[in-house]
Amino acid sequence: MTKIPAGTLHGPDFIALQVSDIEVSKQFWVEKVGLVPVPKAPPGAVVFATQPIPFAITTPKVDLKASTHLGWGVALWMHADDADALCASLRAQGVRILAEPTAGNFGRQFSFADPDGYAIVVHDGK
């Protein structure tokens, strides 16, 4: 059995987006995307019951208006059971679709923008 040295990075175990308006973003993620908030979260945050990694939105720790494009260079992928159905649902609710559903290495995939313009990629494969 290989011993993991102390101080070894194991990988992501929590992901959060800093958002300009936490109530607007909470409404978006709950009502349009369908995520469920957990009952308790730290102040200034909404944590959602996502698996295997918790996902949250938080009040900003930096000046978001100082950036011309939030999340530039970061790929945030989320899994859904049916990417095409979720894309159609989001489109019907007026959510901006950044890339239409296509076949990809991880099943069907598409991307959408949240209220702050963060690009979220959704896939339905394993």
N, C-alpha and C. Protein backbone atom coordinates (compact mmCIF):
# COMPACT_ATOMS: atom_id res chain seq x y z
N MET A 1 0.84 -1.18 0.00
CA MET A 1 0.00 0.00 0.00
C MET A 1 0.89 1.25 0.00
N THR A 2 0.60 2.16 -0.92
CA THR A 2 1.39 3.38 -1.04
C THR A 2 0.93 4.39 -0.01
N LYS A 3 1.88 4.94 0.71
CA LYS A 3 1.55 5.97 1.70
C LYS A 3 1.54 7.33 1.01
N ILE A 4 0.47 8.10 1.20
CA ILE A 4 0.37 9.44 0.63
C ILE A 4 1.09 10.40 1.57
N PRO A 5 2.06 11.15 1.02
CA PRO A 5 2.82 12.07 1.89
C PRO A 5 1.93 13.19 2.45
N ALA A 6 2.29 13.65 3.62
CA ALA A 6 1.57 14.77 4.24
C ALA A 6 1.65 15.98 3.33
N GLY A 7 0.58 16.74 3.28
CA GLY A 7 0.55 17.94 2.47
C GLY A 7 0.18 17.69 1.02
N THR A 8 -0.26 16.47 0.68
CA THR A 8 -0.64 16.13 -0.68
C THR A 8 -2.02 16.69 -1.00
N LEU A 9 -2.12 17.30 -2.15
CA LEU A 9 -3.41 17.81 -2.61
C LEU A 9 -4.24 16.64 -3.14
N HIS A 10 -5.49 16.53 -2.69
CA HIS A 10 -6.35 15.41 -3.09
C HIS A 10 -7.33 15.77 -4.18
N GLY A 11 -7.60 17.04 -4.41
CA GLY A 11 -8.53 17.44 -5.46
C GLY A 11 -9.66 18.29 -4.91
N PRO A 12 -10.52 18.77 -5.80
CA PRO A 12 -11.60 19.67 -5.37
C PRO A 12 -12.58 18.97 -4.42
N ASP A 13 -13.01 19.69 -3.39
CA ASP A 13 -14.05 19.16 -2.53
C ASP A 13 -15.12 20.21 -2.22
N PHE A 14 -15.00 21.38 -2.87
CA PHE A 14 -16.01 22.43 -2.73
C PHE A 14 -15.78 23.45 -3.84
N ILE A 15 -16.85 23.84 -4.52
CA ILE A 15 -16.75 24.82 -5.60
C ILE A 15 -17.75 25.94 -5.33
N ALA A 16 -17.30 27.19 -5.46
CA ALA A 16 -18.20 28.33 -5.26
C ALA A 16 -17.94 29.40 -6.31
N LEU A 17 -19.01 30.04 -6.74
CA LEU A 17 -18.91 31.20 -7.61
C LEU A 17 -19.21 32.45 -6.79
N GLN A 18 -18.38 33.47 -6.93
CA GLN A 18 -18.66 34.75 -6.31
C GLN A 18 -19.61 35.49 -7.23
N VAL A 19 -20.74 35.94 -6.69
CA VAL A 19 -21.79 36.54 -7.52
C VAL A 19 -22.10 37.95 -7.06
N SER A 20 -22.59 38.77 -8.01
CA SER A 20 -22.84 40.18 -7.71
C SER A 20 -24.11 40.39 -6.88
N ASP A 21 -25.10 39.52 -7.04
CA ASP A 21 -26.35 39.63 -6.28
C ASP A 21 -26.77 38.23 -5.86
N ILE A 22 -26.54 37.91 -4.59
CA ILE A 22 -26.75 36.54 -4.13
C ILE A 22 -28.22 36.11 -4.23
N GLU A 23 -29.16 37.03 -4.02
CA GLU A 23 -30.58 36.66 -4.12
C GLU A 23 -30.99 36.38 -5.57
N VAL A 24 -30.52 37.20 -6.50
CA VAL A 24 -30.81 36.96 -7.92
C VAL A 24 -30.21 35.63 -8.36
N SER A 25 -28.96 35.38 -7.95
CA SER A 25 -28.31 34.13 -8.31
C SER A 25 -28.97 32.93 -7.65
N LYS A 26 -29.37 33.06 -6.40
CA LYS A 26 -30.07 31.96 -5.73
C LYS A 26 -31.35 31.63 -6.48
N GLN A 27 -32.11 32.64 -6.83
CA GLN A 27 -33.36 32.43 -7.56
C GLN A 27 -33.07 31.71 -8.89
N PHE A 28 -32.03 32.14 -9.60
CA PHE A 28 -31.65 31.52 -10.87
C PHE A 28 -31.35 30.04 -10.68
N TRP A 29 -30.45 29.72 -9.75
CA TRP A 29 -30.01 28.34 -9.57
C TRP A 29 -31.13 27.45 -9.04
N VAL A 30 -32.03 27.99 -8.23
CA VAL A 30 -33.14 27.19 -7.69
C VAL A 30 -34.27 27.08 -8.70
N GLU A 31 -34.76 28.21 -9.19
CA GLU A 31 -35.96 28.20 -10.02
C GLU A 31 -35.71 27.80 -11.46
N LYS A 32 -34.60 28.18 -12.03
CA LYS A 32 -34.35 27.87 -13.44
C LYS A 32 -33.56 26.58 -13.62
N VAL A 33 -32.52 26.40 -12.81
CA VAL A 33 -31.67 25.23 -12.97
C VAL A 33 -32.19 24.04 -12.16
N GLY A 34 -32.84 24.29 -11.04
CA GLY A 34 -33.43 23.21 -10.25
C GLY A 34 -32.59 22.69 -9.10
N LEU A 35 -31.55 23.45 -8.70
CA LEU A 35 -30.75 23.01 -7.56
C LEU A 35 -31.51 23.26 -6.25
N VAL A 36 -31.16 22.47 -5.24
CA VAL A 36 -31.82 22.57 -3.93
C VAL A 36 -30.80 23.07 -2.91
N PRO A 37 -31.10 24.20 -2.23
CA PRO A 37 -30.17 24.68 -1.19
C PRO A 37 -30.19 23.76 0.03
N VAL A 38 -29.04 23.62 0.67
CA VAL A 38 -28.99 22.89 1.93
C VAL A 38 -29.52 23.80 3.03
N PRO A 39 -30.03 23.23 4.13
CA PRO A 39 -30.63 24.07 5.18
C PRO A 39 -29.68 25.06 5.86
N LYS A 40 -28.41 24.70 6.00
CA LYS A 40 -27.46 25.58 6.68
C LYS A 40 -26.29 25.88 5.77
N ALA A 41 -25.90 27.16 5.75
CA ALA A 41 -24.75 27.60 4.95
C ALA A 41 -24.04 28.71 5.71
N PRO A 42 -22.78 28.94 5.43
CA PRO A 42 -22.07 30.04 6.07
C PRO A 42 -22.70 31.38 5.70
N PRO A 43 -22.50 32.41 6.51
CA PRO A 43 -23.02 33.74 6.16
C PRO A 43 -22.51 34.18 4.79
N GLY A 44 -23.39 34.79 4.00
CA GLY A 44 -23.01 35.28 2.69
C GLY A 44 -22.88 34.21 1.63
N ALA A 45 -23.45 33.03 1.90
CA ALA A 45 -23.34 31.94 0.94
C ALA A 45 -24.65 31.16 0.85
N VAL A 46 -24.87 30.57 -0.30
CA VAL A 46 -25.93 29.59 -0.50
C VAL A 46 -25.24 28.34 -1.01
N VAL A 47 -25.37 27.24 -0.27
CA VAL A 47 -24.76 25.98 -0.65
C VAL A 47 -25.86 25.07 -1.16
N PHE A 48 -25.60 24.40 -2.28
CA PHE A 48 -26.60 23.53 -2.89
C PHE A 48 -26.26 22.06 -2.64
N ALA A 49 -27.28 21.23 -2.61
CA ALA A 49 -27.13 19.79 -2.37
C ALA A 49 -26.73 19.11 -3.68
N THR A 50 -25.47 19.30 -4.09
CA THR A 50 -24.95 18.68 -5.29
C THR A 50 -23.99 17.56 -4.91
N GLN A 51 -23.85 16.58 -5.78
CA GLN A 51 -22.97 15.44 -5.53
C GLN A 51 -22.10 15.22 -6.75
N PRO A 52 -20.90 14.79 -6.66
CA PRO A 52 -20.20 14.43 -5.43
C PRO A 52 -19.54 15.62 -4.73
N ILE A 53 -19.52 16.78 -5.38
CA ILE A 53 -18.86 17.95 -4.80
C ILE A 53 -19.88 19.04 -4.52
N PRO A 54 -19.92 19.59 -3.31
CA PRO A 54 -20.84 20.69 -3.03
C PRO A 54 -20.54 21.92 -3.90
N PHE A 55 -21.59 22.58 -4.34
CA PHE A 55 -21.51 23.78 -5.16
C PHE A 55 -22.22 24.90 -4.41
N ALA A 56 -21.65 26.11 -4.46
CA ALA A 56 -22.23 27.24 -3.73
C ALA A 56 -22.08 28.52 -4.53
N ILE A 57 -22.86 29.51 -4.14
CA ILE A 57 -22.68 30.88 -4.58
C ILE A 57 -22.39 31.70 -3.33
N THR A 58 -21.55 32.72 -3.49
CA THR A 58 -21.18 33.53 -2.33
C THR A 58 -21.15 35.00 -2.69
N THR A 59 -21.21 35.82 -1.66
CA THR A 59 -21.01 37.25 -1.89
C THR A 59 -19.56 37.45 -2.31
N PRO A 60 -19.27 38.49 -3.06
CA PRO A 60 -17.91 38.66 -3.60
C PRO A 60 -16.86 38.93 -2.53
N LYS A 61 -15.70 38.38 -2.78
CA LYS A 61 -14.51 38.64 -1.94
C LYS A 61 -13.58 39.61 -2.65
N VAL A 62 -13.89 39.90 -3.93
CA VAL A 62 -13.12 40.82 -4.76
C VAL A 62 -14.10 41.74 -5.48
N ASP A 63 -13.59 42.74 -6.15
CA ASP A 63 -14.43 43.66 -6.92
C ASP A 63 -14.76 43.01 -8.26
N LEU A 64 -15.95 42.44 -8.36
CA LEU A 64 -16.35 41.74 -9.58
C LEU A 64 -16.43 42.69 -10.78
N LYS A 65 -16.74 43.95 -10.53
CA LYS A 65 -16.86 44.90 -11.63
C LYS A 65 -15.50 45.25 -12.23
N ALA A 66 -14.42 44.92 -11.54
CA ALA A 66 -13.08 45.18 -12.05
C ALA A 66 -12.69 44.17 -13.14
N SER A 67 -13.44 43.10 -13.26
CA SER A 67 -13.15 42.09 -14.27
C SER A 67 -14.01 42.31 -15.50
N THR A 68 -13.42 42.12 -16.66
CA THR A 68 -14.19 42.26 -17.89
C THR A 68 -14.92 40.98 -18.25
N HIS A 69 -14.50 39.85 -17.68
CA HIS A 69 -15.13 38.57 -17.98
C HIS A 69 -14.91 37.63 -16.80
N LEU A 70 -15.96 37.41 -16.00
CA LEU A 70 -15.83 36.55 -14.82
C LEU A 70 -15.59 35.11 -15.22
N GLY A 71 -14.66 34.47 -14.54
CA GLY A 71 -14.37 33.06 -14.77
C GLY A 71 -13.56 32.76 -16.00
N TRP A 72 -13.00 33.78 -16.63
CA TRP A 72 -12.22 33.58 -17.84
C TRP A 72 -11.13 32.54 -17.59
N GLY A 73 -11.09 31.51 -18.41
CA GLY A 73 -10.06 30.49 -18.30
C GLY A 73 -10.40 29.35 -17.37
N VAL A 74 -11.55 29.39 -16.68
CA VAL A 74 -11.94 28.31 -15.79
C VAL A 74 -13.08 27.54 -16.45
N ALA A 75 -12.98 26.21 -16.45
CA ALA A 75 -14.04 25.37 -17.00
C ALA A 75 -14.79 24.73 -15.83
N LEU A 76 -16.05 25.11 -15.67
CA LEU A 76 -16.88 24.53 -14.62
C LEU A 76 -17.89 23.61 -15.28
N TRP A 77 -17.73 22.31 -15.05
CA TRP A 77 -18.59 21.29 -15.65
C TRP A 77 -19.51 20.73 -14.58
N MET A 78 -20.77 20.54 -14.96
CA MET A 78 -21.75 19.93 -14.08
C MET A 78 -22.44 18.79 -14.82
N HIS A 79 -22.84 17.78 -14.08
CA HIS A 79 -23.49 16.61 -14.66
C HIS A 79 -25.00 16.72 -14.54
N ALA A 80 -25.71 16.30 -15.58
CA ALA A 80 -27.18 16.24 -15.58
C ALA A 80 -27.58 14.88 -16.13
N ASP A 81 -28.79 14.46 -15.83
CA ASP A 81 -29.23 13.18 -16.37
C ASP A 81 -29.63 13.27 -17.84
N ASP A 82 -29.99 14.46 -18.33
CA ASP A 82 -30.39 14.65 -19.73
C ASP A 82 -30.04 16.07 -20.15
N ALA A 83 -28.89 16.22 -20.80
CA ALA A 83 -28.40 17.55 -21.18
C ALA A 83 -29.36 18.24 -22.15
N ASP A 84 -29.91 17.51 -23.11
CA ASP A 84 -30.82 18.11 -24.09
C ASP A 84 -32.08 18.66 -23.41
N ALA A 85 -32.65 17.89 -22.49
CA ALA A 85 -33.86 18.34 -21.79
C ALA A 85 -33.57 19.56 -20.93
N LEU A 86 -32.44 19.56 -20.22
CA LEU A 86 -32.10 20.71 -19.39
C LEU A 86 -31.87 21.94 -20.25
N CYS A 87 -31.19 21.77 -21.37
CA CYS A 87 -30.95 22.90 -22.27
C CYS A 87 -32.29 23.48 -22.76
N ALA A 88 -33.21 22.62 -23.16
CA ALA A 88 -34.51 23.09 -23.64
C ALA A 88 -35.26 23.82 -22.53
N SER A 89 -35.20 23.30 -21.31
CA SER A 89 -35.86 23.95 -20.17
C SER A 89 -35.26 25.32 -19.89
N LEU A 90 -33.94 25.40 -19.87
CA LEU A 90 -33.28 26.69 -19.61
C LEU A 90 -33.59 27.70 -20.71
N ARG A 91 -33.56 27.26 -21.97
CA ARG A 91 -33.86 28.15 -23.09
C ARG A 91 -35.30 28.69 -22.96
N ALA A 92 -36.24 27.83 -22.62
CA ALA A 92 -37.64 28.24 -22.48
C ALA A 92 -37.82 29.27 -21.37
N GLN A 93 -36.90 29.28 -20.41
CA GLN A 93 -36.96 30.22 -19.29
C GLN A 93 -36.12 31.48 -19.56
N GLY A 94 -35.60 31.60 -20.76
CA GLY A 94 -34.84 32.79 -21.13
C GLY A 94 -33.39 32.79 -20.73
N VAL A 95 -32.86 31.64 -20.34
CA VAL A 95 -31.44 31.55 -19.97
C VAL A 95 -30.60 31.59 -21.25
N ARG A 96 -29.51 32.33 -21.21
CA ARG A 96 -28.62 32.46 -22.37
C ARG A 96 -27.82 31.17 -22.57
N ILE A 97 -28.05 30.53 -23.70
CA ILE A 97 -27.31 29.31 -24.06
C ILE A 97 -26.07 29.75 -24.84
N LEU A 98 -24.90 29.36 -24.36
CA LEU A 98 -23.64 29.76 -24.98
C LEU A 98 -23.20 28.79 -26.07
N ALA A 99 -23.50 27.51 -25.90
CA ALA A 99 -23.17 26.50 -26.90
C ALA A 99 -24.30 25.48 -26.92
N GLU A 100 -24.79 25.19 -28.10
CA GLU A 100 -25.89 24.25 -28.27
C GLU A 100 -25.45 22.82 -27.92
N PRO A 101 -26.39 21.95 -27.57
CA PRO A 101 -26.04 20.56 -27.26
C PRO A 101 -25.36 19.87 -28.45
N THR A 102 -24.30 19.16 -28.13
CA THR A 102 -23.56 18.37 -29.12
C THR A 102 -23.10 17.09 -28.45
N ALA A 103 -22.68 16.13 -29.28
CA ALA A 103 -22.07 14.91 -28.75
C ALA A 103 -20.63 15.25 -28.39
N GLY A 104 -20.22 14.84 -27.20
CA GLY A 104 -18.86 15.12 -26.75
C GLY A 104 -18.24 13.89 -26.12
N ASN A 105 -17.07 14.04 -25.56
CA ASN A 105 -16.38 12.93 -24.90
C ASN A 105 -17.08 12.46 -23.63
N PHE A 106 -17.96 13.29 -23.10
CA PHE A 106 -18.66 12.96 -21.85
C PHE A 106 -20.17 12.97 -22.07
N GLY A 107 -20.62 12.41 -23.20
CA GLY A 107 -22.03 12.38 -23.52
C GLY A 107 -22.46 13.66 -24.22
N ARG A 108 -23.75 13.94 -24.17
CA ARG A 108 -24.26 15.19 -24.73
C ARG A 108 -23.80 16.32 -23.84
N GLN A 109 -23.45 17.45 -24.42
CA GLN A 109 -22.99 18.59 -23.63
C GLN A 109 -23.42 19.90 -24.27
N PHE A 110 -23.61 20.91 -23.41
CA PHE A 110 -23.92 22.27 -23.85
C PHE A 110 -23.43 23.21 -22.76
N SER A 111 -23.49 24.51 -23.02
CA SER A 111 -23.11 25.46 -21.97
C SER A 111 -24.11 26.61 -21.93
N PHE A 112 -24.24 27.18 -20.73
CA PHE A 112 -25.13 28.31 -20.50
C PHE A 112 -24.44 29.32 -19.61
N ALA A 113 -25.01 30.52 -19.54
CA ALA A 113 -24.46 31.57 -18.69
C ALA A 113 -25.38 31.80 -17.50
N ASP A 114 -24.78 31.99 -16.33
CA ASP A 114 -25.57 32.36 -15.15
C ASP A 114 -25.79 33.88 -15.17
N PRO A 115 -26.49 34.44 -14.18
CA PRO A 115 -26.78 35.88 -14.20
C PRO A 115 -25.54 36.78 -14.27
N ASP A 116 -24.40 36.32 -13.76
CA ASP A 116 -23.18 37.12 -13.80
C ASP A 116 -22.36 36.86 -15.06
N GLY A 117 -22.80 35.92 -15.89
CA GLY A 117 -22.08 35.61 -17.12
C GLY A 117 -21.08 34.47 -17.01
N TYR A 118 -21.04 33.80 -15.85
CA TYR A 118 -20.18 32.62 -15.74
C TYR A 118 -20.65 31.57 -16.73
N ALA A 119 -19.73 30.95 -17.44
CA ALA A 119 -20.06 29.88 -18.37
C ALA A 119 -20.07 28.55 -17.63
N ILE A 120 -21.18 27.83 -17.73
CA ILE A 120 -21.34 26.53 -17.10
C ILE A 120 -21.53 25.50 -18.20
N VAL A 121 -20.70 24.45 -18.20
CA VAL A 121 -20.83 23.36 -19.16
C VAL A 121 -21.59 22.23 -18.48
N VAL A 122 -22.57 21.70 -19.17
CA VAL A 122 -23.36 20.58 -18.66
C VAL A 122 -23.14 19.38 -19.58
N HIS A 123 -22.94 18.22 -18.97
CA HIS A 123 -22.82 16.97 -19.75
C HIS A 123 -23.67 15.91 -19.09
N ASP A 124 -24.03 14.88 -19.87
CA ASP A 124 -24.87 13.82 -19.29
C ASP A 124 -24.23 12.45 -19.36
N GLY A 125 -22.96 12.38 -19.70
CA GLY A 125 -22.26 11.10 -19.71
C GLY A 125 -21.46 10.92 -18.44
N LYS A 126 -20.83 9.81 -18.35
CA LYS A 126 -19.99 9.52 -17.18
C LYS A 126 -18.53 9.70 -17.51
